Amino acid sequence: MKQLSLKAIALAFIVLLAATGALIVSAEYITLNNVRGIEAKWMTFQAGRSEKVRAVNALRRELGYGGIIHSFKNYVLRKDAGLKRIADTKLGGARAIIAQYRSLGVGAIEEKALTDIAGVLDAYAGALATAERLIGRGESPGAIDRAVKVDDGPALTGLNALDSQLTQQRKLITSIRNKPLFISDFRRAIGYGGMIHNFKNFVLRHDHALLQPIKTGMAAAFRALDGYQALGVNSAERQALTSIRSTVAAYRSNLAIADRLADTGAKPVEIDRAVRIDDGPALRGLETLNREIIAANDRVRTPEQ
């Protein structure tokens, strides 16, 4: 009887071990599947976030320095039909970027931001048509500027909302700032709502309240360039940064000239002619930095065998 009991106990122990082992294997399988599922969702999230970051940077590029606002203000000042064509093209590009961003999936805050930005783009399209008509009538840049003022507030608020959403998501992953973020900082400082926007408005309107925002934008632009360079650069990036810095420095020097001329009562056209700067080197420099960032990312994704 005792022997039978021992056998029964041994058998029960074996069955228990087997059952426990099966449960452990099952739990590990479920955990592994859950981990893989989480990893897949995380990779999808990361890819979507990266695309959104690129989209916002591209939107700032189309809107700002070398983009819509830059070309629009120069069109009002210089009445060159080629500048209107550039602005029209950039408007189309900005609308395409908004559609691309939406295709990545958006929340309520992002949707409102995109809708507000699109509304301001529509206002600029109308302002371009009005400016073209007034130029045809021979109106002065000052008169045209007064007739085509656009409220940039909703678009600037929308861009900041998109930046805030993406920044919150980035901080869940890392607090380290990389080169694309410094490029984004630069475009924010110098572009739409920034230095070039305010500089052109100062030339058109002689509003001395714009002087400090212009200087603030310039300082932020230089900080962004310094931050980029501090991460380490190759020869192409170094040359690009030098070209961009030189252009921003030229605007800083010419701001004093514009201020002096405005105080003497010079007309916007006269001021613009005196402070006109070739933006080509800086725009090419920015494209070089973008290419180098893409090339570096490609090397990380496809390491040498």
C-alpha atoms as a PDB file:
ATOM      1  CA  MET A   1       0.000   0.000   0.000  1.00  0.00           C
ATOM      2  CA  LYS A   2       2.850   2.355   0.919  1.00  0.00           C
ATOM      3  CA  GLN A   3       4.608   1.364  -2.339  1.00  0.00           C
ATOM      4  CA  LEU A   4       1.479   2.192  -4.328  1.00  0.00           C
ATOM      5  CA  SER A   5       1.206   5.511  -2.577  1.00  0.00           C
ATOM      6  CA  LEU A   6       4.791   6.366  -3.407  1.00  0.00           C
ATOM      7  CA  LYS A   7       4.230   5.440  -7.047  1.00  0.00           C
ATOM      8  CA  ALA A   8       1.081   7.528  -7.123  1.00  0.00           C
ATOM      9  CA  ILE A   9       2.883  10.447  -5.578  1.00  0.00           C
ATOM     10  CA  ALA A  10       5.773  10.106  -8.042  1.00  0.00           C
ATOM     11  CA  LEU A  11       3.375   9.911 -10.972  1.00  0.00           C
ATOM     12  CA  ALA A  12       1.456  12.910  -9.737  1.00  0.00           C
ATOM     13  CA  PHE A  13       4.724  14.838  -9.331  1.00  0.00           C
ATOM     14  CA  ILE A  14       5.744  13.965 -12.890  1.00  0.00           C
ATOM     15  CA  VAL A  15       2.357  15.017 -14.221  1.00  0.00           C
ATOM     16  CA  LEU A  16       2.629  18.264 -12.264  1.00  0.00           C
ATOM     17  CA  LEU A  17       6.092  18.959 -13.661  1.00  0.00           C
ATOM     18  CA  ALA A  18       4.879  18.280 -17.179  1.00  0.00           C
ATOM     19  CA  ALA A  19       1.883  20.542 -16.719  1.00  0.00           C
ATOM     20  CA  THR A  20       4.069  23.283 -15.227  1.00  0.00           C
ATOM     21  CA  GLY A  21       6.514  22.967 -18.109  1.00  0.00           C
ATOM     22  CA  ALA A  22       3.688  23.222 -20.607  1.00  0.00           C
ATOM     23  CA  LEU A  23       2.369  26.320 -18.877  1.00  0.00           C
ATOM     24  CA  ILE A  24       5.827  27.924 -18.904  1.00  0.00           C
ATOM     25  CA  VAL A  25       6.312  27.151 -22.595  1.00  0.00           C
ATOM     26  CA  SER A  26       2.836  28.467 -23.335  1.00  0.00           C
ATOM     27  CA  ALA A  27       3.481  31.621 -21.319  1.00  0.00           C
ATOM     28  CA  GLU A  28       6.819  32.181 -23.065  1.00  0.00           C
ATOM     29  CA  TYR A  29       5.150  31.721 -26.453  1.00  0.00           C
ATOM     30  CA  ILE A  30       2.409  34.197 -25.582  1.00  0.00           C
ATOM     31  CA  THR A  31       4.980  36.672 -24.180  1.00  0.00           C
ATOM     32  CA  LEU A  32       7.152  36.333 -27.284  1.00  0.00           C
ATOM     33  CA  ASN A  33       4.169  36.949 -29.535  1.00  0.00           C
ATOM     34  CA  ASN A  34       3.173  39.962 -27.442  1.00  0.00           C
ATOM     35  CA  VAL A  35       6.724  41.351 -27.599  1.00  0.00           C
ATOM     36  CA  ARG A  36       6.814  40.854 -31.353  1.00  0.00           C
ATOM     37  CA  GLY A  37       3.437  42.547 -31.656  1.00  0.00           C
ATOM     38  CA  ILE A  38       4.601  45.484 -29.540  1.00  0.00           C
ATOM     39  CA  GLU A  39       7.822  45.739 -31.569  1.00  0.00           C
ATOM     40  CA  ALA A  40       5.863  45.733 -34.826  1.00  0.00           C
ATOM     41  CA  LYS A  41       3.516  48.449 -33.541  1.00  0.00           C
ATOM     42  CA  TRP A  42       6.501  50.474 -32.237  1.00  0.00           C
ATOM     43  CA  MET A  43       8.292  50.240 -35.576  1.00  0.00           C
ATOM     44  CA  THR A  44       5.111  51.345 -37.340  1.00  0.00           C
ATOM     45  CA  PHE A  45       4.765  54.241 -34.889  1.00  0.00           C
ATOM     46  CA  GLN A  46       8.410  55.218 -35.359  1.00  0.00           C
ATOM     47  CA  ALA A  47       8.139  55.117 -39.156  1.00  0.00           C
ATOM     48  CA  GLY A  48       4.974  57.230 -39.092  1.00  0.00           C
ATOM     49  CA  ARG A  49       6.516  59.703 -36.664  1.00  0.00           C
ATOM     50  CA  SER A  50       9.665  60.049 -38.789  1.00  0.00           C
ATOM     51  CA  GLU A  51       7.527  60.695 -41.859  1.00  0.00           C
ATOM     52  CA  LYS A  52       5.588  63.346 -39.961  1.00  0.00           C
ATOM     53  CA  VAL A  53       8.782  65.047 -38.817  1.00  0.00           C
ATOM     54  CA  ARG A  54       9.995  65.145 -42.416  1.00  0.00           C
ATOM     55  CA  ALA A  55       6.599  66.462 -43.535  1.00  0.00           C
ATOM     56  CA  VAL A  56       6.644  69.337 -41.021  1.00  0.00           C
ATOM     57  CA  ASN A  57      10.205  70.256 -42.011  1.00  0.00           C
ATOM     58  CA  ALA A  58       9.186  70.165 -45.678  1.00  0.00           C
ATOM     59  CA  LEU A  59       6.139  72.317 -44.903  1.00  0.00           C
ATOM     60  CA  ARG A  60       8.327  74.930 -43.215  1.00  0.00           C
ATOM     61  CA  ARG A  61      10.630  74.819 -46.246  1.00  0.00           C
ATOM     62  CA  GLU A  62       7.743  75.444 -48.661  1.00  0.00           C
ATOM     63  CA  LEU A  63       6.257  78.185 -46.497  1.00  0.00           C
ATOM     64  CA  GLY A  64       9.348  80.053 -45.382  1.00  0.00           C
ATOM     65  CA  TYR A  65      12.866  80.938 -46.456  1.00  0.00           C
ATOM     66  CA  GLY A  66      13.045  80.454 -50.223  1.00  0.00           C
ATOM     67  CA  GLY A  67       9.362  79.494 -50.169  1.00  0.00           C
ATOM     68  CA  ILE A  68       5.905  81.051 -50.259  1.00  0.00           C
ATOM     69  CA  ILE A  69       6.376  83.980 -47.873  1.00  0.00           C
ATOM     70  CA  HIS A  70       9.827  84.844 -49.241  1.00  0.00           C
ATOM     71  CA  SER A  71       8.650  84.810 -52.861  1.00  0.00           C
ATOM     72  CA  PHE A  72       5.334  86.521 -52.071  1.00  0.00           C
ATOM     73  CA  LYS A  73       6.981  89.464 -50.302  1.00  0.00           C
ATOM     74  CA  ASN A  74       9.574  89.804 -53.054  1.00  0.00           C
ATOM     75  CA  TYR A  75       6.771  89.723 -55.656  1.00  0.00           C
ATOM     76  CA  VAL A  76       5.047  92.630 -53.922  1.00  0.00           C
ATOM     77  CA  LEU A  77       8.342  94.537 -53.757  1.00  0.00           C
ATOM     78  CA  ARG A  78       9.747  93.742 -57.197  1.00  0.00           C
ATOM     79  CA  LYS A  79       6.664  92.949 -59.321  1.00  0.00           C
ATOM     80  CA  ASP A  80       8.494  90.119 -61.069  1.00  0.00           C
ATOM     81  CA  ALA A  81       6.040  87.588 -62.535  1.00  0.00           C
ATOM     82  CA  GLY A  82       8.616  84.830 -62.050  1.00  0.00           C
ATOM     83  CA  LEU A  83       8.330  85.308 -58.301  1.00  0.00           C
ATOM     84  CA  LYS A  84       4.574  84.756 -58.466  1.00  0.00           C
ATOM     85  CA  ARG A  85       5.138  81.496 -60.342  1.00  0.00           C
ATOM     86  CA  ILE A  86       7.533  80.351 -57.610  1.00  0.00           C
ATOM     87  CA  ALA A  87       5.010  81.239 -54.909  1.00  0.00           C
ATOM     88  CA  ASP A  88       2.234  79.412 -56.774  1.00  0.00           C
ATOM     89  CA  THR A  89       4.441  76.325 -57.123  1.00  0.00           C
ATOM     90  CA  LYS A  90       5.326  76.406 -53.435  1.00  0.00           C
ATOM     91  CA  LEU A  91       1.630  76.697 -52.550  1.00  0.00           C
ATOM     92  CA  GLY A  92       0.979  73.501 -54.488  1.00  0.00           C
ATOM     93  CA  GLY A  93       3.873  71.820 -52.730  1.00  0.00           C
ATOM     94  CA  ALA A  94       2.608  72.855 -49.294  1.00  0.00           C
ATOM     95  CA  ARG A  95      -0.868  71.508 -50.033  1.00  0.00           C
ATOM     96  CA  ALA A  96       0.612  68.201 -51.186  1.00  0.00           C
ATOM     97  CA  ILE A  97       2.608  67.943 -47.937  1.00  0.00           C
ATOM     98  CA  ILE A  98      -0.549  68.531 -45.878  1.00  0.00           C
ATOM     99  CA  ALA A  99      -2.269  65.703 -47.774  1.00  0.00           C
ATOM    100  CA  GLN A 100       0.751  63.470 -47.171  1.00  0.00           C
ATOM    101  CA  TYR A 101       0.713  64.249 -43.438  1.00  0.00           C
ATOM    102  CA  ARG A 102      -3.002  63.400 -43.226  1.00  0.00           C
ATOM    103  CA  SER A 103      -2.382  60.071 -44.974  1.00  0.00           C
ATOM    104  CA  LEU A 104      -0.136  59.048 -42.048  1.00  0.00           C
ATOM    105  CA  GLY A 105      -3.055  59.252 -39.624  1.00  0.00           C
ATOM    106  CA  VAL A 106      -3.789  62.280 -37.456  1.00  0.00           C
ATOM    107  CA  GLY A 107      -5.397  63.121 -34.140  1.00  0.00           C
ATOM    108  CA  ALA A 108      -7.819  65.952 -33.451  1.00  0.00           C
ATOM    109  CA  ILE A 109      -5.070  68.467 -32.613  1.00  0.00           C
ATOM    110  CA  GLU A 110      -3.148  67.649 -35.782  1.00  0.00           C
ATOM    111  CA  GLU A 111      -6.282  67.821 -37.947  1.00  0.00           C
ATOM    112  CA  LYS A 112      -7.160  71.282 -36.642  1.00  0.00           C
ATOM    113  CA  ALA A 113      -3.577  72.444 -37.196  1.00  0.00           C
ATOM    114  CA  LEU A 114      -3.542  71.171 -40.776  1.00  0.00           C
ATOM    115  CA  THR A 115      -6.957  72.707 -41.496  1.00  0.00           C
ATOM    116  CA  ASP A 116      -5.822  76.095 -40.155  1.00  0.00           C
ATOM    117  CA  ILE A 117      -2.593  75.987 -42.179  1.00  0.00           C
ATOM    118  CA  ALA A 118      -4.532  75.054 -45.325  1.00  0.00           C
ATOM    119  CA  GLY A 119      -6.880  77.995 -44.720  1.00  0.00           C
ATOM    120  CA  VAL A 120      -3.961  80.418 -44.618  1.00  0.00           C
ATOM    121  CA  LEU A 121      -2.560  78.882 -47.815  1.00  0.00           C
ATOM    122  CA  ASP A 122      -5.911  79.627 -49.474  1.00  0.00           C
ATOM    123  CA  ALA A 123      -5.671  83.210 -48.225  1.00  0.00           C
ATOM    124  CA  TYR A 124      -2.211  83.567 -49.801  1.00  0.00           C
ATOM    125  CA  ALA A 125      -3.494  82.168 -53.083  1.00  0.00           C
ATOM    126  CA  GLY A 126      -6.130  84.892 -53.070  1.00  0.00           C
ATOM    127  CA  ALA A 127      -3.566  87.511 -52.046  1.00  0.00           C
ATOM    128  CA  LEU A 128      -1.320  86.525 -54.955  1.00  0.00           C
ATOM    129  CA  ALA A 129      -4.196  87.007 -57.396  1.00  0.00           C
ATOM    130  CA  THR A 130      -4.990  90.389 -55.855  1.00  0.00           C
ATOM    131  CA  ALA A 131      -1.348  91.442 -55.971  1.00  0.00           C
ATOM    132  CA  GLU A 132      -1.150  90.478 -59.643  1.00  0.00           C
ATOM    133  CA  ARG A 133      -4.186  92.625 -60.427  1.00  0.00           C
ATOM    134  CA  LEU A 134      -2.847  95.616 -58.482  1.00  0.00           C
ATOM    135  CA  ILE A 135       0.568  95.315 -60.112  1.00  0.00           C
ATOM    136  CA  GLY A 136      -1.198  95.416 -63.457  1.00  0.00           C
ATOM    137  CA  ARG A 137      -2.784  98.689 -62.395  1.00  0.00           C
ATOM    138  CA  GLY A 138       0.609 100.140 -61.460  1.00  0.00           C
ATOM    139  CA  GLU A 139       0.041 100.325 -57.696  1.00  0.00           C
ATOM    140  CA  SER A 140       3.046 100.878 -55.416  1.00  0.00           C
ATOM    141  CA  PRO A 141       4.493  98.054 -53.257  1.00  0.00           C
ATOM    142  CA  GLY A 142       3.250  99.820 -50.117  1.00  0.00           C
ATOM    143  CA  ALA A 143      -0.297 100.059 -51.451  1.00  0.00           C
ATOM    144  CA  ILE A 144      -0.222  96.446 -52.611  1.00  0.00           C
ATOM    145  CA  ASP A 145       1.084  95.270 -49.237  1.00  0.00           C
ATOM    146  CA  ARG A 146      -1.751  97.027 -47.430  1.00  0.00           C
ATOM    147  CA  ALA A 147      -4.295  95.374 -49.729  1.00  0.00           C
ATOM    148  CA  VAL A 148      -2.966  91.818 -49.447  1.00  0.00           C
ATOM    149  CA  LYS A 149      -2.221  91.450 -45.745  1.00  0.00           C
ATOM    150  CA  VAL A 150      -2.879  87.917 -44.538  1.00  0.00           C
ATOM    151  CA  ASP A 151      -3.436  86.833 -40.939  1.00  0.00           C
ATOM    152  CA  ASP A 152      -0.612  84.348 -40.372  1.00  0.00           C
ATOM    153  CA  GLY A 153      -1.706  83.580 -36.803  1.00  0.00           C
ATOM    154  CA  PRO A 154      -3.685  80.372 -37.511  1.00  0.00           C
ATOM    155  CA  ALA A 155      -0.890  78.866 -39.619  1.00  0.00           C
ATOM    156  CA  LEU A 156       1.834  79.747 -37.120  1.00  0.00           C
ATOM    157  CA  THR A 157      -0.258  78.328 -34.276  1.00  0.00           C
ATOM    158  CA  GLY A 158      -0.893  75.220 -36.368  1.00  0.00           C
ATOM    159  CA  LEU A 159       2.798  74.685 -37.099  1.00  0.00           C
ATOM    160  CA  ASN A 160       3.631  75.100 -33.422  1.00  0.00           C
ATOM    161  CA  ALA A 161       0.914  72.577 -32.526  1.00  0.00           C
ATOM    162  CA  LEU A 162       2.393  70.023 -34.938  1.00  0.00           C
ATOM    163  CA  ASP A 163       5.864  70.668 -33.519  1.00  0.00           C
ATOM    164  CA  SER A 164       4.535  70.209 -29.983  1.00  0.00           C
ATOM    165  CA  GLN A 165       2.835  66.903 -30.825  1.00  0.00           C
ATOM    166  CA  LEU A 166       5.966  65.498 -32.441  1.00  0.00           C
ATOM    167  CA  THR A 167       8.216  66.792 -29.663  1.00  0.00           C
ATOM    168  CA  GLN A 168       6.108  65.017 -27.040  1.00  0.00           C
ATOM    169  CA  GLN A 169       6.362  61.777 -29.010  1.00  0.00           C
ATOM    170  CA  ARG A 170      10.118  62.197 -29.496  1.00  0.00           C
ATOM    171  CA  LYS A 171      10.702  62.683 -25.774  1.00  0.00           C
ATOM    172  CA  LEU A 172       9.086  59.288 -25.142  1.00  0.00           C
ATOM    173  CA  ILE A 173      12.007  57.836 -27.096  1.00  0.00           C
ATOM    174  CA  THR A 174      14.989  60.134 -26.491  1.00  0.00           C
ATOM    175  CA  SER A 175      15.869  63.626 -25.334  1.00  0.00           C
ATOM    176  CA  ILE A 176      18.914  63.760 -27.627  1.00  0.00           C
ATOM    177  CA  ARG A 177      18.759  66.426 -30.334  1.00  0.00           C
ATOM    178  CA  ASN A 178      19.905  65.365 -33.791  1.00  0.00           C
ATOM    179  CA  LYS A 179      20.758  67.150 -37.035  1.00  0.00           C
ATOM    180  CA  PRO A 180      17.219  67.158 -38.500  1.00  0.00           C
ATOM    181  CA  LEU A 181      15.985  68.880 -35.348  1.00  0.00           C
ATOM    182  CA  PHE A 182      18.600  71.624 -35.689  1.00  0.00           C
ATOM    183  CA  ILE A 183      17.573  72.097 -39.340  1.00  0.00           C
ATOM    184  CA  SER A 184      13.974  72.401 -38.150  1.00  0.00           C
ATOM    185  CA  ASP A 185      15.064  74.977 -35.552  1.00  0.00           C
ATOM    186  CA  PHE A 186      16.881  76.934 -38.254  1.00  0.00           C
ATOM    187  CA  ARG A 187      13.912  76.973 -40.626  1.00  0.00           C
ATOM    188  CA  ARG A 188      11.613  78.067 -37.799  1.00  0.00           C
ATOM    189  CA  ALA A 189      13.994  80.898 -36.854  1.00  0.00           C
ATOM    190  CA  ILE A 190      14.669  82.198 -40.340  1.00  0.00           C
ATOM    191  CA  GLY A 191      11.537  81.373 -42.318  1.00  0.00           C
ATOM    192  CA  TYR A 192       7.764  81.747 -42.041  1.00  0.00           C
ATOM    193  CA  GLY A 193       7.016  83.906 -39.017  1.00  0.00           C
ATOM    194  CA  GLY A 194      10.767  84.308 -38.532  1.00  0.00           C
ATOM    195  CA  MET A 195      13.654  86.455 -39.716  1.00  0.00           C
ATOM    196  CA  ILE A 196      12.978  86.616 -43.473  1.00  0.00           C
ATOM    197  CA  HIS A 197       9.246  87.185 -42.952  1.00  0.00           C
ATOM    198  CA  ASN A 198       9.845  90.061 -40.556  1.00  0.00           C
ATOM    199  CA  PHE A 199      12.750  91.478 -42.575  1.00  0.00           C
ATOM    200  CA  LYS A 200      10.613  91.761 -45.721  1.00  0.00           C
ATOM    201  CA  ASN A 201       7.752  93.275 -43.718  1.00  0.00           C
ATOM    202  CA  PHE A 202      10.163  95.831 -42.269  1.00  0.00           C
ATOM    203  CA  VAL A 203      11.282  96.834 -45.760  1.00  0.00           C
ATOM    204  CA  LEU A 204       7.638  97.189 -46.832  1.00  0.00           C
ATOM    205  CA  ARG A 205       6.221  98.820 -43.710  1.00  0.00           C
ATOM    206  CA  HIS A 206       9.084 100.612 -41.895  1.00  0.00           C
ATOM    207  CA  ASP A 207       7.677  99.240 -38.618  1.00  0.00           C
ATOM    208  CA  HIS A 208      10.444  99.506 -36.025  1.00  0.00           C
ATOM    209  CA  ALA A 209       8.627  97.054 -33.766  1.00  0.00           C
ATOM    210  CA  LEU A 210       9.835  94.366 -36.184  1.00  0.00           C
ATOM    211  CA  LEU A 211      13.531  95.049 -35.525  1.00  0.00           C
ATOM    212  CA  GLN A 212      13.764  93.005 -32.324  1.00  0.00           C
ATOM    213  CA  PRO A 213      11.948  89.934 -33.738  1.00  0.00           C
ATOM    214  CA  ILE A 214      14.334  90.047 -36.720  1.00  0.00           C
ATOM    215  CA  LYS A 215      17.358  90.085 -34.427  1.00  0.00           C
ATOM    216  CA  THR A 216      15.879  87.327 -32.261  1.00  0.00           C
ATOM    217  CA  GLY A 217      15.341  85.170 -35.350  1.00  0.00           C
ATOM    218  CA  MET A 218      18.915  85.728 -36.495  1.00  0.00           C
ATOM    219  CA  ALA A 219      20.311  84.767 -33.083  1.00  0.00           C
ATOM    220  CA  ALA A 220      18.192  81.593 -33.023  1.00  0.00           C
ATOM    221  CA  ALA A 221      19.357  80.744 -36.547  1.00  0.00           C
ATOM    222  CA  PHE A 222      23.024  81.003 -35.552  1.00  0.00           C
ATOM    223  CA  ARG A 223      22.380  78.825 -32.464  1.00  0.00           C
ATOM    224  CA  ALA A 224      20.783  76.164 -34.638  1.00  0.00           C
ATOM    225  CA  LEU A 225      23.769  76.162 -36.998  1.00  0.00           C
ATOM    226  CA  ASP A 226      26.166  75.906 -34.040  1.00  0.00           C
ATOM    227  CA  GLY A 227      24.165  73.001 -32.649  1.00  0.00           C
ATOM    228  CA  TYR A 228      24.306  71.194 -35.977  1.00  0.00           C
ATOM    229  CA  GLN A 229      28.062  71.663 -36.293  1.00  0.00           C
ATOM    230  CA  ALA A 230      28.690  70.512 -32.711  1.00  0.00           C
ATOM    231  CA  LEU A 231      27.394  67.056 -33.674  1.00  0.00           C
ATOM    232  CA  GLY A 232      30.306  66.624 -36.101  1.00  0.00           C
ATOM    233  CA  VAL A 233      30.312  67.476 -39.797  1.00  0.00           C
ATOM    234  CA  ASN A 234      32.061  66.403 -42.977  1.00  0.00           C
ATOM    235  CA  SER A 235      33.632  68.756 -45.514  1.00  0.00           C
ATOM    236  CA  ALA A 236      30.425  69.185 -47.535  1.00  0.00           C
ATOM    237  CA  GLU A 237      28.434  70.066 -44.421  1.00  0.00           C
ATOM    238  CA  ARG A 238      31.143  72.434 -43.200  1.00  0.00           C
ATOM    239  CA  GLN A 239      31.108  74.336 -46.494  1.00  0.00           C
ATOM    240  CA  ALA A 240      27.305  74.434 -46.495  1.00  0.00           C
ATOM    241  CA  LEU A 241      27.200  75.801 -42.949  1.00  0.00           C
ATOM    242  CA  THR A 242      29.732  78.486 -43.891  1.00  0.00           C
ATOM    243  CA  SER A 243      27.560  79.602 -46.826  1.00  0.00           C
ATOM    244  CA  ILE A 244      24.421  79.704 -44.685  1.00  0.00           C
ATOM    245  CA  ARG A 245      26.154  81.624 -41.898  1.00  0.00           C
ATOM    246  CA  SER A 246      27.517  84.159 -44.388  1.00  0.00           C
ATOM    247  CA  THR A 247      24.036  84.792 -45.772  1.00  0.00           C
ATOM    248  CA  VAL A 248      22.468  85.284 -42.341  1.00  0.00           C
ATOM    249  CA  ALA A 249      25.361  87.582 -41.412  1.00  0.00           C
ATOM    250  CA  ALA A 250      24.705  89.606 -44.566  1.00  0.00           C
ATOM    251  CA  TYR A 251      21.075  90.080 -43.509  1.00  0.00           C
ATOM    252  CA  ARG A 252      22.282  91.189 -40.087  1.00  0.00           C
ATOM    253  CA  SER A 253      24.538  93.816 -41.659  1.00  0.00           C
ATOM    254  CA  ASN A 254      21.850  94.978 -44.082  1.00  0.00           C
ATOM    255  CA  LEU A 255      19.279  95.344 -41.330  1.00  0.00           C
ATOM    256  CA  ALA A 256      21.175  98.401 -40.092  1.00  0.00           C
ATOM    257  CA  ILE A 257      21.138  99.819 -43.628  1.00  0.00           C
ATOM    258  CA  ALA A 258      17.391  99.187 -43.973  1.00  0.00           C
ATOM    259  CA  ASP A 259      16.755 100.839 -40.615  1.00  0.00           C
ATOM    260  CA  ARG A 260      18.790 103.905 -41.567  1.00  0.00           C
ATOM    261  CA  LEU A 261      17.059 104.258 -44.938  1.00  0.00           C
ATOM    262  CA  ALA A 262      13.621 103.805 -43.373  1.00  0.00           C
ATOM    263  CA  ASP A 263      14.408 106.641 -40.973  1.00  0.00           C
ATOM    264  CA  THR A 264      15.232 108.914 -43.918  1.00  0.00           C
ATOM    265  CA  GLY A 265      11.836 108.168 -45.485  1.00  0.00           C
ATOM    266  CA  ALA A 266      13.133 105.994 -48.328  1.00  0.00           C
ATOM    267  CA  LYS A 267      10.522 104.047 -50.273  1.00  0.00           C
ATOM    268  CA  PRO A 268      10.282 100.249 -49.954  1.00  0.00           C
ATOM    269  CA  VAL A 269      11.641  99.743 -53.472  1.00  0.00           C
ATOM    270  CA  GLU A 270      14.689 101.871 -52.680  1.00  0.00           C
ATOM    271  CA  ILE A 271      15.338 100.030 -49.427  1.00  0.00           C
ATOM    272  CA  ASP A 272      14.910  96.642 -51.095  1.00  0.00           C
ATOM    273  CA  ARG A 273      17.363  97.604 -53.825  1.00  0.00           C
ATOM    274  CA  ALA A 274      19.950  98.668 -51.225  1.00  0.00           C
ATOM    275  CA  VAL A 275      19.680  95.549 -49.038  1.00  0.00           C
ATOM    276  CA  ARG A 276      19.063  92.883 -51.673  1.00  0.00           C
ATOM    277  CA  ILE A 277      20.954  89.654 -50.927  1.00  0.00           C
ATOM    278  CA  ASP A 278      21.696  86.579 -53.021  1.00  0.00           C
ATOM    279  CA  ASP A 279      20.011  83.741 -51.108  1.00  0.00           C
ATOM    280  CA  GLY A 280      21.303  81.105 -53.534  1.00  0.00           C
ATOM    281  CA  PRO A 281      24.331  79.985 -51.477  1.00  0.00           C
ATOM    282  CA  ALA A 282      22.243  79.536 -48.314  1.00  0.00           C
ATOM    283  CA  LEU A 283      19.451  77.673 -50.119  1.00  0.00           C
ATOM    284  CA  ARG A 284      21.987  75.380 -51.800  1.00  0.00           C
ATOM    285  CA  GLY A 285      23.671  74.917 -48.424  1.00  0.00           C
ATOM    286  CA  LEU A 286      20.400  73.798 -46.850  1.00  0.00           C
ATOM    287  CA  GLU A 287      19.873  71.291 -49.661  1.00  0.00           C
ATOM    288  CA  THR A 288      23.399  69.975 -49.093  1.00  0.00           C
ATOM    289  CA  LEU A 289      22.693  69.461 -45.393  1.00  0.00           C
ATOM    290  CA  ASN A 290      19.485  67.602 -46.239  1.00  0.00           C
ATOM    291  CA  ARG A 291      21.336  65.328 -48.671  1.00  0.00           C
ATOM    292  CA  GLU A 292      24.080  64.594 -46.150  1.00  0.00           C
ATOM    293  CA  ILE A 293      21.515  63.713 -43.469  1.00  0.00           C
ATOM    294  CA  ILE A 294      19.728  61.340 -45.854  1.00  0.00           C
ATOM    295  CA  ALA A 295      23.014  59.759 -46.915  1.00  0.00           C
ATOM    296  CA  ALA A 296      24.047  59.254 -43.265  1.00  0.00           C
ATOM    297  CA  ASN A 297      20.690  57.638 -42.479  1.00  0.00           C
ATOM    298  CA  ASP A 298      21.051  55.321 -45.471  1.00  0.00           C
ATOM    299  CA  ARG A 299      24.494  54.232 -44.268  1.00  0.00           C
ATOM    300  CA  VAL A 300      23.046  53.388 -40.846  1.00  0.00           C
ATOM    301  CA  ARG A 301      20.251  51.335 -42.382  1.00  0.00           C
ATOM    302  CA  THR A 302      22.525  49.445 -44.765  1.00  0.00           C
ATOM    303  CA  PRO A 303      25.865  48.870 -42.986  1.00  0.00           C
ATOM    304  CA  GLU A 304      28.764  47.470 -44.987  1.00  0.00           C
ATOM    305  CA  GLN A 305      28.915  43.683 -45.076  1.00  0.00           C
END
